[in-house]
Amino acid sequence: MADAPLIDPRFKELFAQVSAHIRSRLKLIIFFFLFGLVIGIPLAKEVVEHLLNSDILPAGVNVIVLTPVEFIMIQVRSAAWLGAGLAIAALLVDLAWKSELNQKIPKPGKVVFLSILSMLILAGAGLFYSWELLTPMLLQYLSEDAQSAGLSTEWRLSSFVGFILNLCLASVIGFQAPVLTILAIRSGAVERGLLVQYRRHIWFTTFVLGAAFSPPDPLSLFLVAIPIILLFELAMVFDALTGKKPDANI
């Protein structure tokens, strides 16, 4: 009997569909990434100053700079994050336009307008969730954990700013899961059945990405990943209820 393939062919099909669509929009992605990089570098200085002057820094913590280029590098890193966010936003708008063409919407621009509005609302929700809940709680936890061990808490500028930006931007991007899911299905970029079959893989990937942007403890991991998974599942339910050909197997 022949050995079973290491990778399920259906998973390869899902990956092929996603990668093919991204390759077809590569120029668009690169343009908006570079645009964000250019405008993001001068804006990053203002962001760093705001973070250092805000009350988000826990008591007893000092922020220090260890290398001459550290401040410049954090500006470049922040600008790269902005570029990535703009590239994803452009990709979502492109999916909205393609979805509108596929569904032959009678009112041109309706899907695009609703998608942009949803993206802005979800981005605001992700930013609020990260800034008001995740960031203060995790920074306080990290500082108290170090101080309880008798350690002086001095954080590098790049680590402090990078940590906050990672959480904020990861939340902003992650909260786009409903828009991305619905548009990917209705534009034809990905088949709904493949998303249903690989729901567990999507969950696992979300937890892996959440682990990359949060401290290595279970609470932080769940606080980052669970909202994104819930939004994805809500999008699947919404598509099943409102799509032209709903799939009952969700």
C-alpha atoms as a PDB file:
ATOM      1  CA  MET A   1       0.000   0.000   0.000  1.00  0.00           C
ATOM      2  CA  ALA A   2       1.359   3.392  -0.977  1.00  0.00           C
ATOM      3  CA  ASP A   3       2.387   5.717   1.815  1.00  0.00           C
ATOM      4  CA  ALA A   4       0.038   8.618   2.549  1.00  0.00           C
ATOM      5  CA  PRO A   5       1.360  12.020   1.376  1.00  0.00           C
ATOM      6  CA  LEU A   6       3.004  14.134   4.039  1.00  0.00           C
ATOM      7  CA  ILE A   7       0.928  17.161   3.009  1.00  0.00           C
ATOM      8  CA  ASP A   8      -2.770  16.891   2.249  1.00  0.00           C
ATOM      9  CA  PRO A   9      -3.353  17.780  -1.449  1.00  0.00           C
ATOM     10  CA  ARG A  10      -6.312  19.954  -0.413  1.00  0.00           C
ATOM     11  CA  PHE A  11      -4.035  22.000   1.815  1.00  0.00           C
ATOM     12  CA  LYS A  12      -1.680  22.421  -1.133  1.00  0.00           C
ATOM     13  CA  GLU A  13      -4.658  23.643  -3.153  1.00  0.00           C
ATOM     14  CA  LEU A  14      -5.561  26.188  -0.476  1.00  0.00           C
ATOM     15  CA  PHE A  15      -1.973  27.425  -0.323  1.00  0.00           C
ATOM     16  CA  ALA A  16      -1.786  27.550  -4.120  1.00  0.00           C
ATOM     17  CA  GLN A  17      -4.955  29.649  -4.376  1.00  0.00           C
ATOM     18  CA  VAL A  18      -3.772  32.152  -1.782  1.00  0.00           C
ATOM     19  CA  SER A  19      -0.217  32.421  -3.131  1.00  0.00           C
ATOM     20  CA  ALA A  20      -1.426  32.767  -6.732  1.00  0.00           C
ATOM     21  CA  HIS A  21      -3.667  35.692  -5.819  1.00  0.00           C
ATOM     22  CA  ILE A  22      -0.881  37.396  -3.843  1.00  0.00           C
ATOM     23  CA  ARG A  23       1.568  36.973  -6.742  1.00  0.00           C
ATOM     24  CA  SER A  24      -0.960  38.507  -9.129  1.00  0.00           C
ATOM     25  CA  ARG A  25      -1.086  41.607  -6.912  1.00  0.00           C
ATOM     26  CA  LEU A  26       2.614  41.769  -6.083  1.00  0.00           C
ATOM     27  CA  LYS A  27       3.202  45.166  -7.715  1.00  0.00           C
ATOM     28  CA  LEU A  28       0.288  46.656  -5.760  1.00  0.00           C
ATOM     29  CA  ILE A  29       1.634  45.231  -2.499  1.00  0.00           C
ATOM     30  CA  ILE A  30       5.170  46.487  -3.135  1.00  0.00           C
ATOM     31  CA  PHE A  31       3.958  49.976  -4.069  1.00  0.00           C
ATOM     32  CA  PHE A  32       1.936  50.493  -0.889  1.00  0.00           C
ATOM     33  CA  PHE A  33       4.643  48.945   1.272  1.00  0.00           C
ATOM     34  CA  LEU A  34       7.236  51.385  -0.091  1.00  0.00           C
ATOM     35  CA  PHE A  35       4.766  54.266   0.217  1.00  0.00           C
ATOM     36  CA  GLY A  36       4.219  53.432   3.884  1.00  0.00           C
ATOM     37  CA  LEU A  37       7.949  53.113   4.406  1.00  0.00           C
ATOM     38  CA  VAL A  38       8.581  56.599   2.996  1.00  0.00           C
ATOM     39  CA  ILE A  39       5.875  58.410   4.945  1.00  0.00           C
ATOM     40  CA  GLY A  40       6.340  56.293   8.071  1.00  0.00           C
ATOM     41  CA  ILE A  41       9.920  57.234   8.919  1.00  0.00           C
ATOM     42  CA  PRO A  42       9.197  60.914   9.739  1.00  0.00           C
ATOM     43  CA  LEU A  43       6.007  59.928  11.581  1.00  0.00           C
ATOM     44  CA  ALA A  44       7.802  57.377  13.731  1.00  0.00           C
ATOM     45  CA  LYS A  45       9.685  60.054  15.672  1.00  0.00           C
ATOM     46  CA  GLU A  46       6.401  61.596  16.809  1.00  0.00           C
ATOM     47  CA  VAL A  47       5.094  58.169  17.795  1.00  0.00           C
ATOM     48  CA  VAL A  48       8.174  57.396  19.908  1.00  0.00           C
ATOM     49  CA  GLU A  49       7.946  60.745  21.689  1.00  0.00           C
ATOM     50  CA  HIS A  50       4.260  60.151  22.408  1.00  0.00           C
ATOM     51  CA  LEU A  51       4.943  56.692  23.851  1.00  0.00           C
ATOM     52  CA  LEU A  52       7.740  57.962  26.097  1.00  0.00           C
ATOM     53  CA  ASN A  53       5.601  60.836  27.383  1.00  0.00           C
ATOM     54  CA  SER A  54       2.461  58.743  27.928  1.00  0.00           C
ATOM     55  CA  ASP A  55       1.490  57.108  31.206  1.00  0.00           C
ATOM     56  CA  ILE A  56       1.736  53.635  29.675  1.00  0.00           C
ATOM     57  CA  LEU A  57       5.297  53.208  30.976  1.00  0.00           C
ATOM     58  CA  PRO A  58       5.115  51.330  34.321  1.00  0.00           C
ATOM     59  CA  ALA A  59       6.472  52.972  37.448  1.00  0.00           C
ATOM     60  CA  GLY A  60      10.126  52.272  38.161  1.00  0.00           C
ATOM     61  CA  VAL A  61      11.021  51.515  34.543  1.00  0.00           C
ATOM     62  CA  ASN A  62      13.674  53.492  32.650  1.00  0.00           C
ATOM     63  CA  VAL A  63      13.991  53.446  28.870  1.00  0.00           C
ATOM     64  CA  ILE A  64      17.558  53.588  27.577  1.00  0.00           C
ATOM     65  CA  VAL A  65      19.360  53.675  24.224  1.00  0.00           C
ATOM     66  CA  LEU A  66      22.319  51.307  23.885  1.00  0.00           C
ATOM     67  CA  THR A  67      23.533  51.893  20.324  1.00  0.00           C
ATOM     68  CA  PRO A  68      23.973  55.059  18.204  1.00  0.00           C
ATOM     69  CA  VAL A  69      21.627  53.839  15.466  1.00  0.00           C
ATOM     70  CA  GLU A  70      18.937  52.396  17.725  1.00  0.00           C
ATOM     71  CA  PHE A  71      16.595  55.362  17.426  1.00  0.00           C
ATOM     72  CA  ILE A  72      16.941  55.410  13.630  1.00  0.00           C
ATOM     73  CA  MET A  73      16.363  51.677  13.355  1.00  0.00           C
ATOM     74  CA  ILE A  74      13.175  51.830  15.404  1.00  0.00           C
ATOM     75  CA  GLN A  75      11.909  54.505  12.996  1.00  0.00           C
ATOM     76  CA  VAL A  76      12.641  52.246  10.030  1.00  0.00           C
ATOM     77  CA  ARG A  77      10.995  49.304  11.768  1.00  0.00           C
ATOM     78  CA  SER A  78       7.891  51.349  12.543  1.00  0.00           C
ATOM     79  CA  ALA A  79       7.709  52.579   8.962  1.00  0.00           C
ATOM     80  CA  ALA A  80       7.986  48.998   7.704  1.00  0.00           C
ATOM     81  CA  TRP A  81       5.026  48.046   9.892  1.00  0.00           C
ATOM     82  CA  LEU A  82       3.034  50.928   8.445  1.00  0.00           C
ATOM     83  CA  GLY A  83       3.952  49.840   4.928  1.00  0.00           C
ATOM     84  CA  ALA A  84       2.830  46.283   5.671  1.00  0.00           C
ATOM     85  CA  GLY A  85      -0.469  47.580   7.022  1.00  0.00           C
ATOM     86  CA  LEU A  86      -1.089  49.718   3.935  1.00  0.00           C
ATOM     87  CA  ALA A  87      -0.225  46.795   1.658  1.00  0.00           C
ATOM     88  CA  ILE A  88      -2.735  44.565   3.443  1.00  0.00           C
ATOM     89  CA  ALA A  89      -5.368  47.308   3.278  1.00  0.00           C
ATOM     90  CA  ALA A  90      -4.774  47.701  -0.462  1.00  0.00           C
ATOM     91  CA  LEU A  91      -5.078  43.948  -0.925  1.00  0.00           C
ATOM     92  CA  LEU A  92      -8.396  43.941   0.937  1.00  0.00           C
ATOM     93  CA  VAL A  93      -9.763  46.796  -1.187  1.00  0.00           C
ATOM     94  CA  ASP A  94      -8.667  44.907  -4.306  1.00  0.00           C
ATOM     95  CA  LEU A  95     -10.487  41.811  -3.050  1.00  0.00           C
ATOM     96  CA  ALA A  96     -13.586  43.934  -2.428  1.00  0.00           C
ATOM     97  CA  TRP A  97     -13.515  45.198  -6.008  1.00  0.00           C
ATOM     98  CA  LYS A  98     -13.052  41.690  -7.380  1.00  0.00           C
ATOM     99  CA  SER A  99     -15.862  40.420  -5.155  1.00  0.00           C
ATOM    100  CA  GLU A 100     -18.122  43.139  -6.519  1.00  0.00           C
ATOM    101  CA  LEU A 101     -17.317  42.120 -10.088  1.00  0.00           C
ATOM    102  CA  ASN A 102     -17.868  38.412  -9.381  1.00  0.00           C
ATOM    103  CA  GLN A 103     -21.241  38.980  -7.706  1.00  0.00           C
ATOM    104  CA  LYS A 104     -22.328  41.543 -10.329  1.00  0.00           C
ATOM    105  CA  ILE A 105     -23.458  44.044  -7.712  1.00  0.00           C
ATOM    106  CA  PRO A 106     -25.953  46.487  -9.305  1.00  0.00           C
ATOM    107  CA  LYS A 107     -24.581  49.494  -7.438  1.00  0.00           C
ATOM    108  CA  PRO A 108     -20.896  50.014  -8.362  1.00  0.00           C
ATOM    109  CA  GLY A 109     -18.640  50.761  -5.413  1.00  0.00           C
ATOM    110  CA  LYS A 110     -21.044  49.498  -2.746  1.00  0.00           C
ATOM    111  CA  VAL A 111     -18.913  46.528  -1.692  1.00  0.00           C
ATOM    112  CA  VAL A 112     -15.727  48.609  -1.807  1.00  0.00           C
ATOM    113  CA  PHE A 113     -17.278  51.345   0.355  1.00  0.00           C
ATOM    114  CA  LEU A 114     -18.639  48.872   2.912  1.00  0.00           C
ATOM    115  CA  SER A 115     -15.314  47.026   2.988  1.00  0.00           C
ATOM    116  CA  ILE A 116     -13.313  50.198   3.618  1.00  0.00           C
ATOM    117  CA  LEU A 117     -15.773  51.270   6.313  1.00  0.00           C
ATOM    118  CA  SER A 118     -15.547  47.836   7.963  1.00  0.00           C
ATOM    119  CA  MET A 119     -11.752  47.910   7.775  1.00  0.00           C
ATOM    120  CA  LEU A 120     -11.624  51.295   9.507  1.00  0.00           C
ATOM    121  CA  ILE A 121     -14.033  50.210  12.246  1.00  0.00           C
ATOM    122  CA  LEU A 122     -12.184  46.945  12.863  1.00  0.00           C
ATOM    123  CA  ALA A 123      -8.816  48.728  12.824  1.00  0.00           C
ATOM    124  CA  GLY A 124     -10.105  51.151  15.459  1.00  0.00           C
ATOM    125  CA  ALA A 125     -11.423  48.249  17.530  1.00  0.00           C
ATOM    126  CA  GLY A 126      -8.085  46.429  17.281  1.00  0.00           C
ATOM    127  CA  LEU A 127      -6.144  49.542  18.249  1.00  0.00           C
ATOM    128  CA  PHE A 128      -8.440  50.205  21.208  1.00  0.00           C
ATOM    129  CA  TYR A 129      -8.193  46.588  22.365  1.00  0.00           C
ATOM    130  CA  SER A 130      -4.413  46.616  22.182  1.00  0.00           C
ATOM    131  CA  TRP A 131      -3.774  50.088  23.636  1.00  0.00           C
ATOM    132  CA  GLU A 132      -6.363  50.010  26.413  1.00  0.00           C
ATOM    133  CA  LEU A 133      -6.138  46.349  27.482  1.00  0.00           C
ATOM    134  CA  LEU A 134      -3.240  44.335  26.118  1.00  0.00           C
ATOM    135  CA  THR A 135      -0.365  46.806  26.263  1.00  0.00           C
ATOM    136  CA  PRO A 136      -0.868  48.251  29.782  1.00  0.00           C
ATOM    137  CA  MET A 137      -1.592  44.831  31.280  1.00  0.00           C
ATOM    138  CA  LEU A 138       1.378  43.070  29.690  1.00  0.00           C
ATOM    139  CA  LEU A 139       3.846  45.896  30.385  1.00  0.00           C
ATOM    140  CA  GLN A 140       2.752  45.991  34.012  1.00  0.00           C
ATOM    141  CA  TYR A 141       3.050  42.223  34.258  1.00  0.00           C
ATOM    142  CA  LEU A 142       6.550  42.197  32.754  1.00  0.00           C
ATOM    143  CA  SER A 143       7.832  45.020  34.962  1.00  0.00           C
ATOM    144  CA  GLU A 144       6.376  43.556  38.171  1.00  0.00           C
ATOM    145  CA  ASP A 145       7.729  40.119  37.321  1.00  0.00           C
ATOM    146  CA  ALA A 146      11.267  41.514  36.980  1.00  0.00           C
ATOM    147  CA  GLN A 147      10.999  43.752  40.039  1.00  0.00           C
ATOM    148  CA  SER A 148       9.705  40.876  42.180  1.00  0.00           C
ATOM    149  CA  ALA A 149      12.971  39.081  41.445  1.00  0.00           C
ATOM    150  CA  GLY A 150      14.945  42.091  42.688  1.00  0.00           C
ATOM    151  CA  LEU A 151      16.003  43.223  39.216  1.00  0.00           C
ATOM    152  CA  SER A 152      16.285  46.832  38.094  1.00  0.00           C
ATOM    153  CA  THR A 153      13.965  47.442  35.148  1.00  0.00           C
ATOM    154  CA  GLU A 154      15.687  49.236  32.316  1.00  0.00           C
ATOM    155  CA  TRP A 155      14.261  48.572  28.883  1.00  0.00           C
ATOM    156  CA  ARG A 156      15.898  49.254  25.552  1.00  0.00           C
ATOM    157  CA  LEU A 157      14.111  51.848  23.452  1.00  0.00           C
ATOM    158  CA  SER A 158      13.844  49.462  20.510  1.00  0.00           C
ATOM    159  CA  SER A 159      12.388  46.708  22.699  1.00  0.00           C
ATOM    160  CA  PHE A 160       9.907  49.010  24.446  1.00  0.00           C
ATOM    161  CA  VAL A 161       8.621  50.762  21.326  1.00  0.00           C
ATOM    162  CA  GLY A 162       8.810  47.609  19.217  1.00  0.00           C
ATOM    163  CA  PHE A 163       6.801  45.650  21.770  1.00  0.00           C
ATOM    164  CA  ILE A 164       3.994  48.220  21.797  1.00  0.00           C
ATOM    165  CA  LEU A 165       3.943  48.642  18.024  1.00  0.00           C
ATOM    166  CA  ASN A 166       3.946  44.878  17.504  1.00  0.00           C
ATOM    167  CA  LEU A 167       0.899  44.465  19.722  1.00  0.00           C
ATOM    168  CA  CYS A 168      -0.971  47.441  18.265  1.00  0.00           C
ATOM    169  CA  LEU A 169      -0.326  46.688  14.624  1.00  0.00           C
ATOM    170  CA  ALA A 170      -0.808  42.944  15.057  1.00  0.00           C
ATOM    171  CA  SER A 171      -4.199  43.669  16.627  1.00  0.00           C
ATOM    172  CA  VAL A 172      -5.125  46.152  13.900  1.00  0.00           C
ATOM    173  CA  ILE A 173      -4.162  43.669  11.171  1.00  0.00           C
ATOM    174  CA  GLY A 174      -5.557  40.642  12.996  1.00  0.00           C
ATOM    175  CA  PHE A 175      -8.916  42.328  13.512  1.00  0.00           C
ATOM    176  CA  GLN A 176      -9.263  42.480   9.715  1.00  0.00           C
ATOM    177  CA  ALA A 177      -9.921  38.720   9.758  1.00  0.00           C
ATOM    178  CA  PRO A 178     -13.689  39.076   9.061  1.00  0.00           C
ATOM    179  CA  VAL A 179     -13.174  41.352   6.065  1.00  0.00           C
ATOM    180  CA  LEU A 180     -10.345  39.233   4.698  1.00  0.00           C
ATOM    181  CA  THR A 181     -12.294  35.995   5.118  1.00  0.00           C
ATOM    182  CA  ILE A 182     -15.504  37.194   3.485  1.00  0.00           C
ATOM    183  CA  LEU A 183     -13.777  38.989   0.612  1.00  0.00           C
ATOM    184  CA  ALA A 184     -11.430  36.062  -0.057  1.00  0.00           C
ATOM    185  CA  ILE A 185     -14.431  33.754  -0.414  1.00  0.00           C
ATOM    186  CA  ARG A 186     -16.681  36.041  -2.438  1.00  0.00           C
ATOM    187  CA  SER A 187     -13.951  37.260  -4.763  1.00  0.00           C
ATOM    188  CA  GLY A 188     -13.081  33.675  -5.638  1.00  0.00           C
ATOM    189  CA  ALA A 189      -9.523  33.953  -4.324  1.00  0.00           C
ATOM    190  CA  VAL A 190     -10.175  31.050  -1.909  1.00  0.00           C
ATOM    191  CA  GLU A 191     -12.914  28.428  -1.865  1.00  0.00           C
ATOM    192  CA  ARG A 192     -15.093  28.401   1.245  1.00  0.00           C
ATOM    193  CA  GLY A 193     -14.889  24.618   1.463  1.00  0.00           C
ATOM    194  CA  LEU A 194     -11.116  24.742   1.847  1.00  0.00           C
ATOM    195  CA  LEU A 195     -11.379  27.212   4.715  1.00  0.00           C
ATOM    196  CA  VAL A 196     -13.873  24.923   6.422  1.00  0.00           C
ATOM    197  CA  GLN A 197     -11.639  21.891   5.974  1.00  0.00           C
ATOM    198  CA  TYR A 198      -8.579  23.713   7.269  1.00  0.00           C
ATOM    199  CA  ARG A 199     -10.218  25.604  10.116  1.00  0.00           C
ATOM    200  CA  ARG A 200      -7.901  23.926  12.653  1.00  0.00           C
ATOM    201  CA  HIS A 201      -4.839  24.872  10.611  1.00  0.00           C
ATOM    202  CA  ILE A 202      -6.009  28.497  10.568  1.00  0.00           C
ATOM    203  CA  TRP A 203      -6.505  28.396  14.329  1.00  0.00           C
ATOM    204  CA  PHE A 204      -3.050  26.927  14.841  1.00  0.00           C
ATOM    205  CA  THR A 205      -1.465  29.562  12.580  1.00  0.00           C
ATOM    206  CA  THR A 206      -3.237  32.298  14.540  1.00  0.00           C
ATOM    207  CA  PHE A 207      -1.819  30.966  17.809  1.00  0.00           C
ATOM    208  CA  VAL A 208       1.671  30.760  16.290  1.00  0.00           C
ATOM    209  CA  LEU A 209       1.476  34.379  15.131  1.00  0.00           C
ATOM    210  CA  GLY A 210       0.034  35.371  18.500  1.00  0.00           C
ATOM    211  CA  ALA A 211       2.995  33.747  20.226  1.00  0.00           C
ATOM    212  CA  ALA A 212       5.349  35.784  18.062  1.00  0.00           C
ATOM    213  CA  PHE A 213       3.789  39.072  19.210  1.00  0.00           C
ATOM    214  CA  SER A 214       3.194  38.335  22.897  1.00  0.00           C
ATOM    215  CA  PRO A 215       5.207  37.327  25.963  1.00  0.00           C
ATOM    216  CA  PRO A 216       5.727  33.564  26.340  1.00  0.00           C
ATOM    217  CA  ASP A 217       2.912  32.880  28.780  1.00  0.00           C
ATOM    218  CA  PRO A 218      -0.488  31.251  28.096  1.00  0.00           C
ATOM    219  CA  LEU A 219      -2.589  34.255  29.184  1.00  0.00           C
ATOM    220  CA  SER A 220      -0.898  36.672  26.779  1.00  0.00           C
ATOM    221  CA  LEU A 221      -1.075  34.159  23.950  1.00  0.00           C
ATOM    222  CA  PHE A 222      -4.802  33.645  24.397  1.00  0.00           C
ATOM    223  CA  LEU A 223      -5.495  37.367  24.724  1.00  0.00           C
ATOM    224  CA  VAL A 224      -3.840  37.977  21.359  1.00  0.00           C
ATOM    225  CA  ALA A 225      -5.127  34.958  19.417  1.00  0.00           C
ATOM    226  CA  ILE A 226      -8.648  34.300  20.707  1.00  0.00           C
ATOM    227  CA  PRO A 227     -10.264  37.583  19.478  1.00  0.00           C
ATOM    228  CA  ILE A 228      -8.907  36.973  15.975  1.00  0.00           C
ATOM    229  CA  ILE A 229     -10.196  33.387  15.923  1.00  0.00           C
ATOM    230  CA  LEU A 230     -13.629  34.526  17.126  1.00  0.00           C
ATOM    231  CA  LEU A 231     -13.767  37.185  14.406  1.00  0.00           C
ATOM    232  CA  PHE A 232     -12.825  34.582  11.791  1.00  0.00           C
ATOM    233  CA  GLU A 233     -15.592  32.254  12.985  1.00  0.00           C
ATOM    234  CA  LEU A 234     -18.118  35.095  12.971  1.00  0.00           C
ATOM    235  CA  ALA A 235     -17.145  35.854   9.381  1.00  0.00           C
ATOM    236  CA  MET A 236     -17.700  32.207   8.403  1.00  0.00           C
ATOM    237  CA  VAL A 237     -21.161  32.254  10.005  1.00  0.00           C
ATOM    238  CA  PHE A 238     -22.000  35.574   8.339  1.00  0.00           C
ATOM    239  CA  ASP A 239     -20.960  34.238   4.927  1.00  0.00           C
ATOM    240  CA  ALA A 240     -23.013  31.064   5.457  1.00  0.00           C
ATOM    241  CA  LEU A 241     -26.093  33.137   6.271  1.00  0.00           C
ATOM    242  CA  THR A 242     -25.770  35.806   3.584  1.00  0.00           C
ATOM    243  CA  GLY A 243     -23.844  34.117   0.778  1.00  0.00           C
ATOM    244  CA  LYS A 244     -25.556  33.008  -2.389  1.00  0.00           C
ATOM    245  CA  LYS A 245     -24.495  29.409  -1.853  1.00  0.00           C
ATOM    246  CA  PRO A 246     -24.152  28.885   1.875  1.00  0.00           C
ATOM    247  CA  ASP A 247     -22.371  25.778   3.047  1.00  0.00           C
ATOM    248  CA  ALA A 248     -24.113  24.200   6.012  1.00  0.00           C
ATOM    249  CA  ASN A 249     -20.953  22.399   7.095  1.00  0.00           C
ATOM    250  CA  ILE A 250     -19.378  25.075   9.254  1.00  0.00           C
END
